[in-house]
Amino acid sequence: MSNAAGPVTQRRMISRGDILMLGVSAGVIGSVTGGLLLYSGMALIVSGANLGWLLLLPAVLVGAGIGWIMAHRVASRLP
């Protein structure tokens, strides 16, 4: 008998180690990126350049966005 439905693909389940590494890497990369934007924006604001607000305000969104993208990559492996 043949398998009429086609071959069955094996998908790997996400382990606790994957979730831990996602949290660590998203936290570190998000903090570094957001922190650099925050620092450079504050340095420009203190020196009197209003351009610093363009770096300061989206710093949290950029840091959180990186973690969100990384979480979607891991979640796409779920069966």
PDB file of N, CA and C in Angstrom:
ATOM      1  N   MET A   1       0.831  -1.177   0.000  1.00  0.00           N
ATOM      2  CA  MET A   1       0.000   0.000   0.000  1.00  0.00           C
ATOM      3  C   MET A   1       0.874   1.239   0.000  1.00  0.00           C
ATOM      4  N   SER A   2       0.424   2.221  -0.673  1.00  0.00           N
ATOM      5  CA  SER A   2       1.184   3.466  -0.709  1.00  0.00           C
ATOM      6  C   SER A   2       0.518   4.518   0.172  1.00  0.00           C
ATOM      7  N   ASN A   3       1.282   5.471   0.522  1.00  0.00           N
ATOM      8  CA  ASN A   3       0.764   6.572   1.335  1.00  0.00           C
ATOM      9  C   ASN A   3       0.206   7.631   0.394  1.00  0.00           C
ATOM     10  N   ALA A   4      -1.096   7.673   0.244  1.00  0.00           N
ATOM     11  CA  ALA A   4      -1.731   8.584  -0.703  1.00  0.00           C
ATOM     12  C   ALA A   4      -1.671  10.034  -0.237  1.00  0.00           C
ATOM     13  N   ALA A   5      -1.547  10.252   1.049  1.00  0.00           N
ATOM     14  CA  ALA A   5      -1.535  11.621   1.571  1.00  0.00           C
ATOM     15  C   ALA A   5      -0.162  12.279   1.442  1.00  0.00           C
ATOM     16  N   GLY A   6       0.853  11.540   1.098  1.00  0.00           N
ATOM     17  CA  GLY A   6       2.185  12.107   0.972  1.00  0.00           C
ATOM     18  C   GLY A   6       3.002  11.855   2.229  1.00  0.00           C
ATOM     19  N   PRO A   7       4.259  12.237   2.174  1.00  0.00           N
ATOM     20  CA  PRO A   7       5.128  12.001   3.334  1.00  0.00           C
ATOM     21  C   PRO A   7       4.753  12.897   4.511  1.00  0.00           C
ATOM     22  N   VAL A   8       4.935  12.349   5.682  1.00  0.00           N
ATOM     23  CA  VAL A   8       4.657  13.091   6.904  1.00  0.00           C
ATOM     24  C   VAL A   8       5.936  13.808   7.320  1.00  0.00           C
ATOM     25  N   THR A   9       5.843  15.093   7.551  1.00  0.00           N
ATOM     26  CA  THR A   9       7.030  15.836   7.965  1.00  0.00           C
ATOM     27  C   THR A   9       7.131  15.835   9.483  1.00  0.00           C
ATOM     28  N   GLN A  10       8.327  15.708   9.960  1.00  0.00           N
ATOM     29  CA  GLN A  10       8.579  15.730  11.390  1.00  0.00           C
ATOM     30  C   GLN A  10       8.950  17.148  11.794  1.00  0.00           C
ATOM     31  N   ARG A  11       8.172  17.731  12.685  1.00  0.00           N
ATOM     32  CA  ARG A  11       8.477  19.065  13.191  1.00  0.00           C
ATOM     33  C   ARG A  11       8.930  18.938  14.633  1.00  0.00           C
ATOM     34  N   ARG A  12       9.965  19.672  14.963  1.00  0.00           N
ATOM     35  CA  ARG A  12      10.540  19.607  16.296  1.00  0.00           C
ATOM     36  C   ARG A  12       9.743  20.494  17.237  1.00  0.00           C
ATOM     37  N   MET A  13       9.443  19.957  18.413  1.00  0.00           N
ATOM     38  CA  MET A  13       8.752  20.742  19.432  1.00  0.00           C
ATOM     39  C   MET A  13       9.735  21.720  20.069  1.00  0.00           C
ATOM     40  N   ILE A  14       9.221  22.830  20.518  1.00  0.00           N
ATOM     41  CA  ILE A  14      10.055  23.812  21.190  1.00  0.00           C
ATOM     42  C   ILE A  14      10.361  23.307  22.594  1.00  0.00           C
ATOM     43  N   SER A  15      11.624  23.307  22.938  1.00  0.00           N
ATOM     44  CA  SER A  15      12.023  22.824  24.255  1.00  0.00           C
ATOM     45  C   SER A  15      12.145  23.996  25.228  1.00  0.00           C
ATOM     46  N   ARG A  16      12.359  23.672  26.475  1.00  0.00           N
ATOM     47  CA  ARG A  16      12.540  24.726  27.476  1.00  0.00           C
ATOM     48  C   ARG A  16      13.809  25.520  27.199  1.00  0.00           C
ATOM     49  N   GLY A  17      14.808  24.862  26.663  1.00  0.00           N
ATOM     50  CA  GLY A  17      16.047  25.551  26.326  1.00  0.00           C
ATOM     51  C   GLY A  17      15.848  26.597  25.240  1.00  0.00           C
ATOM     52  N   ASP A  18      14.978  26.276  24.248  1.00  0.00           N
ATOM     53  CA  ASP A  18      14.673  27.254  23.200  1.00  0.00           C
ATOM     54  C   ASP A  18      13.970  28.477  23.775  1.00  0.00           C
ATOM     55  N   ILE A  19      13.041  28.242  24.675  1.00  0.00           N
ATOM     56  CA  ILE A  19      12.311  29.350  25.286  1.00  0.00           C
ATOM     57  C   ILE A  19      13.243  30.190  26.146  1.00  0.00           C
ATOM     58  N   LEU A  20      14.136  29.523  26.871  1.00  0.00           N
ATOM     59  CA  LEU A  20      15.101  30.241  27.694  1.00  0.00           C
ATOM     60  C   LEU A  20      16.036  31.080  26.832  1.00  0.00           C
ATOM     61  N   MET A  21      16.537  30.506  25.759  1.00  0.00           N
ATOM     62  CA  MET A  21      17.431  31.253  24.879  1.00  0.00           C
ATOM     63  C   MET A  21      16.702  32.398  24.188  1.00  0.00           C
ATOM     64  N   LEU A  22      15.437  32.210  23.855  1.00  0.00           N
ATOM     65  CA  LEU A  22      14.656  33.296  23.268  1.00  0.00           C
ATOM     66  C   LEU A  22      14.544  34.450  24.243  1.00  0.00           C
ATOM     67  N   GLY A  23      14.237  34.141  25.497  1.00  0.00           N
ATOM     68  CA  GLY A  23      14.105  35.192  26.496  1.00  0.00           C
ATOM     69  C   GLY A  23      15.407  35.916  26.745  1.00  0.00           C
ATOM     70  N   VAL A  24      16.500  35.170  26.838  1.00  0.00           N
ATOM     71  CA  VAL A  24      17.795  35.791  27.095  1.00  0.00           C
ATOM     72  C   VAL A  24      18.232  36.642  25.905  1.00  0.00           C
ATOM     73  N   SER A  25      18.139  36.078  24.715  1.00  0.00           N
ATOM     74  CA  SER A  25      18.610  36.827  23.543  1.00  0.00           C
ATOM     75  C   SER A  25      17.721  38.025  23.238  1.00  0.00           C
ATOM     76  N   ALA A  26      16.407  37.879  23.377  1.00  0.00           N
ATOM     77  CA  ALA A  26      15.519  39.019  23.141  1.00  0.00           C
ATOM     78  C   ALA A  26      15.740  40.100  24.184  1.00  0.00           C
ATOM     79  N   GLY A  27      15.970  39.698  25.426  1.00  0.00           N
ATOM     80  CA  GLY A  27      16.226  40.675  26.476  1.00  0.00           C
ATOM     81  C   GLY A  27      17.530  41.417  26.268  1.00  0.00           C
ATOM     82  N   VAL A  28      18.579  40.694  25.926  1.00  0.00           N
ATOM     83  CA  VAL A  28      19.885  41.324  25.739  1.00  0.00           C
ATOM     84  C   VAL A  28      19.887  42.222  24.505  1.00  0.00           C
ATOM     85  N   ILE A  29      19.417  41.710  23.391  1.00  0.00           N
ATOM     86  CA  ILE A  29      19.440  42.498  22.159  1.00  0.00           C
ATOM     87  C   ILE A  29      18.499  43.691  22.257  1.00  0.00           C
ATOM     88  N   GLY A  30      17.322  43.490  22.829  1.00  0.00           N
ATOM     89  CA  GLY A  30      16.387  44.599  23.000  1.00  0.00           C
ATOM     90  C   GLY A  30      16.924  45.651  23.943  1.00  0.00           C
ATOM     91  N   SER A  31      17.562  45.238  25.020  1.00  0.00           N
ATOM     92  CA  SER A  31      18.123  46.200  25.973  1.00  0.00           C
ATOM     93  C   SER A  31      19.277  46.977  25.375  1.00  0.00           C
ATOM     94  N   VAL A  32      20.135  46.302  24.637  1.00  0.00           N
ATOM     95  CA  VAL A  32      21.273  46.993  24.028  1.00  0.00           C
ATOM     96  C   VAL A  32      20.792  47.998  22.985  1.00  0.00           C
ATOM     97  N   THR A  33      19.878  47.572  22.120  1.00  0.00           N
ATOM     98  CA  THR A  33      19.378  48.468  21.081  1.00  0.00           C
ATOM     99  C   THR A  33      18.613  49.641  21.683  1.00  0.00           C
ATOM    100  N   GLY A  34      17.684  49.355  22.575  1.00  0.00           N
ATOM    101  CA  GLY A  34      16.923  50.426  23.216  1.00  0.00           C
ATOM    102  C   GLY A  34      17.800  51.325  24.058  1.00  0.00           C
ATOM    103  N   GLY A  35      18.783  50.749  24.755  1.00  0.00           N
ATOM    104  CA  GLY A  35      19.684  51.538  25.581  1.00  0.00           C
ATOM    105  C   GLY A  35      20.560  52.472  24.773  1.00  0.00           C
ATOM    106  N   LEU A  36      21.038  52.003  23.619  1.00  0.00           N
ATOM    107  CA  LEU A  36      21.840  52.876  22.764  1.00  0.00           C
ATOM    108  C   LEU A  36      21.015  54.029  22.213  1.00  0.00           C
ATOM    109  N   LEU A  37      19.779  53.750  21.810  1.00  0.00           N
ATOM    110  CA  LEU A  37      18.917  54.830  21.335  1.00  0.00           C
ATOM    111  C   LEU A  37      18.592  55.806  22.467  1.00  0.00           C
ATOM    112  N   LEU A  38      18.343  55.263  23.639  1.00  0.00           N
ATOM    113  CA  LEU A  38      18.042  56.110  24.796  1.00  0.00           C
ATOM    114  C   LEU A  38      19.235  56.988  25.153  1.00  0.00           C
ATOM    115  N   TYR A  39      20.416  56.404  25.187  1.00  0.00           N
ATOM    116  CA  TYR A  39      21.620  57.164  25.534  1.00  0.00           C
ATOM    117  C   TYR A  39      21.897  58.265  24.517  1.00  0.00           C
ATOM    118  N   SER A  40      21.877  57.909  23.233  1.00  0.00           N
ATOM    119  CA  SER A  40      22.200  58.922  22.224  1.00  0.00           C
ATOM    120  C   SER A  40      21.131  60.008  22.171  1.00  0.00           C
ATOM    121  N   GLY A  41      19.865  59.649  22.374  1.00  0.00           N
ATOM    122  CA  GLY A  41      18.811  60.658  22.412  1.00  0.00           C
ATOM    123  C   GLY A  41      18.959  61.592  23.595  1.00  0.00           C
ATOM    124  N   MET A  42      19.251  61.027  24.777  1.00  0.00           N
ATOM    125  CA  MET A  42      19.432  61.880  25.962  1.00  0.00           C
ATOM    126  C   MET A  42      20.658  62.776  25.828  1.00  0.00           C
ATOM    127  N   ALA A  43      21.728  62.263  25.225  1.00  0.00           N
ATOM    128  CA  ALA A  43      22.929  63.077  25.034  1.00  0.00           C
ATOM    129  C   ALA A  43      22.632  64.252  24.108  1.00  0.00           C
ATOM    130  N   LEU A  44      21.856  64.027  23.064  1.00  0.00           N
ATOM    131  CA  LEU A  44      21.503  65.122  22.162  1.00  0.00           C
ATOM    132  C   LEU A  44      20.561  66.114  22.818  1.00  0.00           C
ATOM    133  N   ILE A  45      19.621  65.625  23.621  1.00  0.00           N
ATOM    134  CA  ILE A  45      18.675  66.523  24.293  1.00  0.00           C
ATOM    135  C   ILE A  45      19.413  67.401  25.304  1.00  0.00           C
ATOM    136  N   VAL A  46      20.336  66.813  26.057  1.00  0.00           N
ATOM    137  CA  VAL A  46      21.081  67.577  27.059  1.00  0.00           C
ATOM    138  C   VAL A  46      21.955  68.635  26.387  1.00  0.00           C
ATOM    139  N   SER A  47      22.487  68.315  25.216  1.00  0.00           N
ATOM    140  CA  SER A  47      23.333  69.285  24.521  1.00  0.00           C
ATOM    141  C   SER A  47      22.514  70.350  23.797  1.00  0.00           C
ATOM    142  N   GLY A  48      21.199  70.225  23.794  1.00  0.00           N
ATOM    143  CA  GLY A  48      20.342  71.263  23.228  1.00  0.00           C
ATOM    144  C   GLY A  48      19.791  70.964  21.845  1.00  0.00           C
ATOM    145  N   ALA A  49      20.060  69.788  21.313  1.00  0.00           N
ATOM    146  CA  ALA A  49      19.560  69.439  19.983  1.00  0.00           C
ATOM    147  C   ALA A  49      18.206  68.736  20.118  1.00  0.00           C
ATOM    148  N   ASN A  50      17.207  69.285  19.489  1.00  0.00           N
ATOM    149  CA  ASN A  50      15.872  68.686  19.552  1.00  0.00           C
ATOM    150  C   ASN A  50      15.771  67.394  18.755  1.00  0.00           C
ATOM    151  N   LEU A  51      16.752  67.134  17.927  1.00  0.00           N
ATOM    152  CA  LEU A  51      16.778  65.886  17.164  1.00  0.00           C
ATOM    153  C   LEU A  51      16.833  64.663  18.081  1.00  0.00           C
ATOM    154  N   GLY A  52      17.313  64.852  19.305  1.00  0.00           N
ATOM    155  CA  GLY A  52      17.410  63.751  20.262  1.00  0.00           C
ATOM    156  C   GLY A  52      16.074  63.133  20.610  1.00  0.00           C
ATOM    157  N   TRP A  53      15.012  63.915  20.534  1.00  0.00           N
ATOM    158  CA  TRP A  53      13.676  63.364  20.821  1.00  0.00           C
ATOM    159  C   TRP A  53      13.269  62.318  19.788  1.00  0.00           C
ATOM    160  N   LEU A  54      13.780  62.443  18.561  1.00  0.00           N
ATOM    161  CA  LEU A  54      13.470  61.439  17.535  1.00  0.00           C
ATOM    162  C   LEU A  54      14.138  60.101  17.832  1.00  0.00           C
ATOM    163  N   LEU A  55      15.194  60.126  18.593  1.00  0.00           N
ATOM    164  CA  LEU A  55      15.847  58.883  19.001  1.00  0.00           C
ATOM    165  C   LEU A  55      15.317  58.368  20.335  1.00  0.00           C
ATOM    166  N   LEU A  56      14.947  59.291  21.202  1.00  0.00           N
ATOM    167  CA  LEU A  56      14.526  58.906  22.550  1.00  0.00           C
ATOM    168  C   LEU A  56      13.148  58.247  22.558  1.00  0.00           C
ATOM    169  N   LEU A  57      12.202  58.809  21.841  1.00  0.00           N
ATOM    170  CA  LEU A  57      10.821  58.327  21.926  1.00  0.00           C
ATOM    171  C   LEU A  57      10.612  56.905  21.381  1.00  0.00           C
ATOM    172  N   PRO A  58      11.200  56.538  20.246  1.00  0.00           N
ATOM    173  CA  PRO A  58      10.961  55.158  19.771  1.00  0.00           C
ATOM    174  C   PRO A  58      11.890  54.108  20.361  1.00  0.00           C
ATOM    175  N   ALA A  59      12.710  54.460  21.347  1.00  0.00           N
ATOM    176  CA  ALA A  59      13.692  53.510  21.888  1.00  0.00           C
ATOM    177  C   ALA A  59      13.019  52.272  22.483  1.00  0.00           C
ATOM    178  N   VAL A  60      11.928  52.454  23.203  1.00  0.00           N
ATOM    179  CA  VAL A  60      11.232  51.312  23.816  1.00  0.00           C
ATOM    180  C   VAL A  60      10.563  50.457  22.748  1.00  0.00           C
ATOM    181  N   LEU A  61       9.972  51.105  21.755  1.00  0.00           N
ATOM    182  CA  LEU A  61       9.298  50.345  20.699  1.00  0.00           C
ATOM    183  C   LEU A  61      10.273  49.517  19.878  1.00  0.00           C
ATOM    184  N   VAL A  62      11.442  50.051  19.610  1.00  0.00           N
ATOM    185  CA  VAL A  62      12.444  49.292  18.853  1.00  0.00           C
ATOM    186  C   VAL A  62      12.937  48.099  19.662  1.00  0.00           C
ATOM    187  N   GLY A  63      13.207  48.305  20.930  1.00  0.00           N
ATOM    188  CA  GLY A  63      13.658  47.202  21.788  1.00  0.00           C
ATOM    189  C   GLY A  63      12.610  46.116  21.924  1.00  0.00           C
ATOM    190  N   ALA A  64      11.340  46.506  22.073  1.00  0.00           N
ATOM    191  CA  ALA A  64      10.266  45.520  22.194  1.00  0.00           C
ATOM    192  C   ALA A  64       9.982  44.842  20.858  1.00  0.00           C
ATOM    193  N   GLY A  65      10.125  45.578  19.776  1.00  0.00           N
ATOM    194  CA  GLY A  65       9.878  45.007  18.446  1.00  0.00           C
ATOM    195  C   GLY A  65      10.839  43.891  18.108  1.00  0.00           C
ATOM    196  N   ILE A  66      12.080  44.028  18.538  1.00  0.00           N
ATOM    197  CA  ILE A  66      13.073  42.973  18.290  1.00  0.00           C
ATOM    198  C   ILE A  66      12.676  41.692  19.022  1.00  0.00           C
ATOM    199  N   GLY A  67      12.252  41.814  20.269  1.00  0.00           N
ATOM    200  CA  GLY A  67      11.800  40.639  21.017  1.00  0.00           C
ATOM    201  C   GLY A  67      10.575  40.004  20.401  1.00  0.00           C
ATOM    202  N   TRP A  68       9.669  40.811  19.880  1.00  0.00           N
ATOM    203  CA  TRP A  68       8.444  40.303  19.248  1.00  0.00           C
ATOM    204  C   TRP A  68       8.784  39.522  17.985  1.00  0.00           C
ATOM    205  N   ILE A  69       9.700  40.039  17.192  1.00  0.00           N
ATOM    206  CA  ILE A  69      10.104  39.347  15.956  1.00  0.00           C
ATOM    207  C   ILE A  69      10.785  38.016  16.288  1.00  0.00           C
ATOM    208  N   MET A  70      11.637  38.025  17.306  1.00  0.00           N
ATOM    209  CA  MET A  70      12.317  36.787  17.690  1.00  0.00           C
ATOM    210  C   MET A  70      11.325  35.757  18.212  1.00  0.00           C
ATOM    211  N   ALA A  71      10.303  36.192  18.938  1.00  0.00           N
ATOM    212  CA  ALA A  71       9.289  35.263  19.435  1.00  0.00           C
ATOM    213  C   ALA A  71       8.497  34.655  18.289  1.00  0.00           C
ATOM    214  N   HIS A  72       8.208  35.421  17.261  1.00  0.00           N
ATOM    215  CA  HIS A  72       7.485  34.877  16.111  1.00  0.00           C
ATOM    216  C   HIS A  72       8.313  33.859  15.352  1.00  0.00           C
ATOM    217  N   ARG A  73       9.616  34.040  15.316  1.00  0.00           N
ATOM    218  CA  ARG A  73      10.472  33.057  14.656  1.00  0.00           C
ATOM    219  C   ARG A  73      10.404  31.710  15.362  1.00  0.00           C
ATOM    220  N   VAL A  74      10.462  31.729  16.691  1.00  0.00           N
ATOM    221  CA  VAL A  74      10.411  30.480  17.440  1.00  0.00           C
ATOM    222  C   VAL A  74       9.010  29.879  17.356  1.00  0.00           C
ATOM    223  N   ALA A  75       7.975  30.705  17.443  1.00  0.00           N
ATOM    224  CA  ALA A  75       6.609  30.203  17.412  1.00  0.00           C
ATOM    225  C   ALA A  75       6.240  29.632  16.052  1.00  0.00           C
ATOM    226  N   SER A  76       6.921  30.051  15.003  1.00  0.00           N
ATOM    227  CA  SER A  76       6.616  29.509  13.681  1.00  0.00           C
ATOM    228  C   SER A  76       7.030  28.045  13.560  1.00  0.00           C
ATOM    229  N   ARG A  77       7.868  27.563  14.462  1.00  0.00           N
ATOM    230  CA  ARG A  77       8.274  26.158  14.451  1.00  0.00           C
ATOM    231  C   ARG A  77       7.284  25.237  15.139  1.00  0.00           C
ATOM    232  N   LEU A  78       6.264  25.806  15.761  1.00  0.00           N
ATOM    233  CA  LEU A  78       5.267  24.962  16.441  1.00  0.00           C
ATOM    234  C   LEU A  78       4.476  24.161  15.411  1.00  0.00           C
ATOM    235  N   PRO A  79       4.086  22.952  15.758  1.00  0.00           N
ATOM    236  CA  PRO A  79       3.291  22.143  14.820  1.00  0.00           C
ATOM    237  C   PRO A  79       1.875  22.662  14.682  1.00  0.00           C
TER     238      PRO A  79
END
